[in-house]
Amino acid sequence: MAPKKVQDVTDTQAAVEELRAALDTVGIVFPSLRLDPASPGLQLVELGRVRADVAVHLARALQRGATE
């Protein structure tokens, strides 16, 4: 299967909001999800830390998505 083409994202805040919305659809919350204030020129997104149960939930959601 060919990888999906990734849209060129230049608006970091939009990327954060899109990720937050996607995570929300599978019931996952990253409390620290935000723009990385230390490197605005690099357009980095800070994912932060999550509990182990959230990490497992994320892994399972990704695995389900990979099989679709």
C-alpha atoms as a PDB file:
ATOM      1  CA  MET A   1       0.000   0.000   0.000  1.00  0.00           C
ATOM      2  CA  ALA A   2       1.370   3.398  -0.949  1.00  0.00           C
ATOM      3  CA  PRO A   3       1.697   5.930   1.886  1.00  0.00           C
ATOM      4  CA  LYS A   4      -0.881   8.678   1.987  1.00  0.00           C
ATOM      5  CA  LYS A   5       0.344  12.005   0.680  1.00  0.00           C
ATOM      6  CA  VAL A   6       0.849  14.416   3.556  1.00  0.00           C
ATOM      7  CA  GLN A   7      -0.417  17.947   3.108  1.00  0.00           C
ATOM      8  CA  ASP A   8       2.261  20.628   3.392  1.00  0.00           C
ATOM      9  CA  VAL A   9       1.553  22.247   6.745  1.00  0.00           C
ATOM     10  CA  THR A  10       2.981  25.694   7.267  1.00  0.00           C
ATOM     11  CA  ASP A  11       0.539  26.907   9.897  1.00  0.00           C
ATOM     12  CA  THR A  12       1.738  25.246  13.089  1.00  0.00           C
ATOM     13  CA  GLN A  13      -1.305  26.287  15.108  1.00  0.00           C
ATOM     14  CA  ALA A  14      -3.559  24.722  12.485  1.00  0.00           C
ATOM     15  CA  ALA A  15      -1.506  21.531  12.735  1.00  0.00           C
ATOM     16  CA  VAL A  16      -1.947  21.498  16.517  1.00  0.00           C
ATOM     17  CA  GLU A  17      -5.702  21.985  16.208  1.00  0.00           C
ATOM     18  CA  GLU A  18      -5.996  19.289  13.528  1.00  0.00           C
ATOM     19  CA  LEU A  19      -4.076  16.827  15.687  1.00  0.00           C
ATOM     20  CA  ARG A  20      -6.139  17.735  18.760  1.00  0.00           C
ATOM     21  CA  ALA A  21      -9.360  17.173  16.799  1.00  0.00           C
ATOM     22  CA  ALA A  22      -8.140  13.838  15.403  1.00  0.00           C
ATOM     23  CA  LEU A  23      -7.106  12.632  18.851  1.00  0.00           C
ATOM     24  CA  ASP A  24     -10.453  13.750  20.248  1.00  0.00           C
ATOM     25  CA  THR A  25     -12.330  11.584  17.729  1.00  0.00           C
ATOM     26  CA  VAL A  26     -10.721   8.488  19.271  1.00  0.00           C
ATOM     27  CA  GLY A  27     -11.075   9.725  22.842  1.00  0.00           C
ATOM     28  CA  ILE A  28      -7.442  10.694  23.438  1.00  0.00           C
ATOM     29  CA  VAL A  29      -6.334  13.886  25.184  1.00  0.00           C
ATOM     30  CA  PHE A  30      -2.740  15.112  25.241  1.00  0.00           C
ATOM     31  CA  PRO A  31      -2.882  17.721  28.027  1.00  0.00           C
ATOM     32  CA  SER A  32       0.368  19.368  26.939  1.00  0.00           C
ATOM     33  CA  LEU A  33      -0.328  19.504  23.190  1.00  0.00           C
ATOM     34  CA  ARG A  34       0.751  22.964  22.005  1.00  0.00           C
ATOM     35  CA  LEU A  35       3.145  24.935  19.855  1.00  0.00           C
ATOM     36  CA  ASP A  36       6.756  24.609  20.971  1.00  0.00           C
ATOM     37  CA  PRO A  37       7.508  28.120  22.266  1.00  0.00           C
ATOM     38  CA  ALA A  38      11.270  27.502  22.337  1.00  0.00           C
ATOM     39  CA  SER A  39      11.604  27.067  18.581  1.00  0.00           C
ATOM     40  CA  PRO A  40       9.018  29.065  16.622  1.00  0.00           C
ATOM     41  CA  GLY A  41      11.150  29.096  13.484  1.00  0.00           C
ATOM     42  CA  LEU A  42      11.223  25.301  13.331  1.00  0.00           C
ATOM     43  CA  GLN A  43       7.423  24.962  13.550  1.00  0.00           C
ATOM     44  CA  LEU A  44       7.651  22.214  16.185  1.00  0.00           C
ATOM     45  CA  VAL A  45       4.647  20.820  18.007  1.00  0.00           C
ATOM     46  CA  GLU A  46       5.052  19.906  21.667  1.00  0.00           C
ATOM     47  CA  LEU A  47       3.213  16.661  22.422  1.00  0.00           C
ATOM     48  CA  GLY A  48       4.187  16.544  26.072  1.00  0.00           C
ATOM     49  CA  ARG A  49       3.914  13.557  28.357  1.00  0.00           C
ATOM     50  CA  VAL A  50       0.952  11.231  28.782  1.00  0.00           C
ATOM     51  CA  ARG A  51       0.014   8.442  31.169  1.00  0.00           C
ATOM     52  CA  ALA A  52       0.741   4.871  30.115  1.00  0.00           C
ATOM     53  CA  ASP A  53      -2.954   4.119  29.548  1.00  0.00           C
ATOM     54  CA  VAL A  54      -3.191   7.047  27.128  1.00  0.00           C
ATOM     55  CA  ALA A  55      -0.108   5.794  25.273  1.00  0.00           C
ATOM     56  CA  VAL A  56      -1.698   2.343  24.924  1.00  0.00           C
ATOM     57  CA  HIS A  57      -4.974   3.889  23.747  1.00  0.00           C
ATOM     58  CA  LEU A  58      -3.045   5.894  21.130  1.00  0.00           C
ATOM     59  CA  ALA A  59      -1.097   2.831  19.973  1.00  0.00           C
ATOM     60  CA  ARG A  60      -4.310   0.847  19.518  1.00  0.00           C
ATOM     61  CA  ALA A  61      -5.983   3.681  17.624  1.00  0.00           C
ATOM     62  CA  LEU A  62      -2.993   3.918  15.296  1.00  0.00           C
ATOM     63  CA  GLN A  63      -2.986   0.167  14.774  1.00  0.00           C
ATOM     64  CA  ARG A  64      -6.687   0.207  13.879  1.00  0.00           C
ATOM     65  CA  GLY A  65      -6.065   3.052  11.445  1.00  0.00           C
ATOM     66  CA  ALA A  66      -3.181   1.218   9.804  1.00  0.00           C
ATOM     67  CA  THR A  67      -5.439  -1.724   8.972  1.00  0.00           C
ATOM     68  CA  GLU A  68      -8.170   0.385   7.359  1.00  0.00           C
END
